[in-house]
Amino acid sequence: MDEREQDYLKHQIRELERSNHRWKFATFALAAAFAIFLIVGGGSSLLFGLRLVQELRVDAMRAVAAEQAARLQAEQAAQQLQQMKKQAKEKEKKVEVGARN
């Protein structure tokens, strides 16, 4: 092999080594970008899930509070009804007593 061929081959080897380094860097950069994408995606999914759970808890607490308020209102209505019936009976007795006299 003459000197020209050796120089040519050395030049080719250097070019291949540079190309190899560029591909390694590109691969590392893409792997890092993919890892960041996975971390951010997983984190946002986790946060979304936690937020959804929190919203469901708040909705459940509101439903329980609304149910308790409805029960209290129903109890108050039942007490008012009993009181009105009692007052009506008392009025009937007074009318009967007044009619007898």
Protein backbone atom coordinates (compact mmCIF):
# COMPACT_ATOMS: atom_id res chain seq x y z
CA MET A 1 0.00 0.00 0.00
CA ASP A 2 1.32 3.33 -0.88
CA GLU A 3 1.17 6.46 1.24
CA ARG A 4 -1.84 7.89 -0.56
CA GLU A 5 -3.94 4.84 0.15
CA GLN A 6 -2.88 4.89 3.79
CA ASP A 7 -3.83 8.56 4.10
CA TYR A 8 -7.16 7.83 2.45
CA LEU A 9 -7.86 4.94 4.83
CA LYS A 10 -6.80 7.01 7.87
CA HIS A 11 -9.13 9.77 6.72
CA GLN A 12 -11.97 7.27 6.32
CA ILE A 13 -11.30 5.85 9.79
CA ARG A 14 -11.41 9.35 11.30
CA GLU A 15 -14.66 10.11 9.48
CA LEU A 16 -16.19 6.84 10.67
CA GLU A 17 -15.09 7.54 14.24
CA ARG A 18 -16.61 11.03 14.09
CA SER A 19 -19.79 9.62 12.65
CA ASN A 20 -19.83 6.98 15.38
CA HIS A 21 -19.46 9.67 18.07
CA ARG A 22 -22.26 11.73 16.49
CA TRP A 23 -24.57 8.70 16.47
CA LYS A 24 -23.71 7.89 20.07
CA PHE A 25 -24.47 11.49 21.09
CA ALA A 26 -27.73 11.47 19.11
CA THR A 27 -28.73 8.18 20.71
CA PHE A 28 -27.94 9.48 24.19
CA ALA A 29 -29.85 12.72 23.55
CA LEU A 30 -32.90 10.86 22.24
CA ALA A 31 -32.80 8.42 25.16
CA ALA A 32 -32.62 11.34 27.60
CA ALA A 33 -35.52 13.09 25.84
CA PHE A 34 -37.55 9.89 25.94
CA ALA A 35 -36.79 9.41 29.64
CA ILE A 36 -37.86 12.99 30.37
CA PHE A 37 -41.02 12.42 28.34
CA LEU A 38 -41.82 9.28 30.34
CA ILE A 39 -41.14 10.98 33.67
CA VAL A 40 -43.24 14.02 32.82
CA GLY A 41 -46.03 11.86 31.39
CA GLY A 42 -46.02 9.54 34.39
CA GLY A 43 -45.94 12.46 36.80
CA SER A 44 -48.82 14.23 35.10
CA SER A 45 -50.83 11.01 35.03
CA LEU A 46 -50.16 10.53 38.73
CA LEU A 47 -51.15 14.11 39.53
CA PHE A 48 -54.27 13.80 37.41
CA GLY A 49 -55.20 10.59 39.21
CA LEU A 50 -54.63 12.17 42.62
CA ARG A 51 -56.69 15.20 41.62
CA LEU A 52 -59.48 12.96 40.39
CA VAL A 53 -59.47 11.02 43.66
CA GLN A 54 -59.59 14.28 45.61
CA GLU A 55 -62.52 15.53 43.51
CA LEU A 56 -64.35 12.25 44.09
CA ARG A 57 -63.79 12.58 47.84
CA VAL A 58 -65.10 16.14 47.82
CA ASP A 59 -68.14 15.06 45.81
CA ALA A 60 -68.77 12.22 48.26
CA MET A 61 -68.49 14.58 51.21
CA ARG A 62 -70.93 17.00 49.54
CA ALA A 63 -73.35 14.14 48.90
CA VAL A 64 -73.16 13.06 52.55
CA ALA A 65 -73.71 16.65 53.70
CA ALA A 66 -76.68 17.02 51.34
CA GLU A 67 -78.14 13.74 52.60
CA GLN A 68 -77.75 14.85 56.21
CA ALA A 69 -79.39 18.18 55.43
CA ALA A 70 -82.27 16.41 53.70
CA ARG A 71 -82.75 14.08 56.67
CA LEU A 72 -82.71 17.00 59.09
CA GLN A 73 -85.25 18.83 56.96
CA ALA A 74 -87.44 15.72 56.82
CA GLU A 75 -87.24 15.32 60.61
CA GLN A 76 -88.16 18.97 61.11
CA ALA A 77 -91.09 18.60 58.73
CA ALA A 78 -92.26 15.49 60.62
CA GLN A 79 -92.00 17.34 63.93
CA GLN A 80 -93.97 20.27 62.53
CA LEU A 81 -96.61 17.87 61.25
CA GLN A 82 -96.92 16.21 64.66
CA GLN A 83 -97.10 19.61 66.33
CA MET A 84 -99.81 20.73 63.92
CA LYS A 85 -101.78 17.50 64.56
CA LYS A 86 -101.44 18.04 68.31
CA GLN A 87 -102.64 21.63 67.98
CA ALA A 88 -105.54 20.49 65.81
CA LYS A 89 -106.57 17.91 68.45
CA GLU A 90 -106.34 20.54 71.18
CA LYS A 91 -108.54 22.87 69.13
CA GLU A 92 -111.04 20.05 68.59
CA LYS A 93 -111.15 19.40 72.34
CA LYS A 94 -111.66 23.11 73.01
CA VAL A 95 -114.45 23.21 70.45
CA GLU A 96 -116.07 20.11 72.00
CA VAL A 97 -115.73 21.56 75.48
CA GLY A 98 -117.10 24.89 74.27
CA ALA A 99 -119.99 23.15 72.52
CA ARG A 100 -120.91 21.24 75.72
CA ASN A 101 -121.06 24.36 77.79
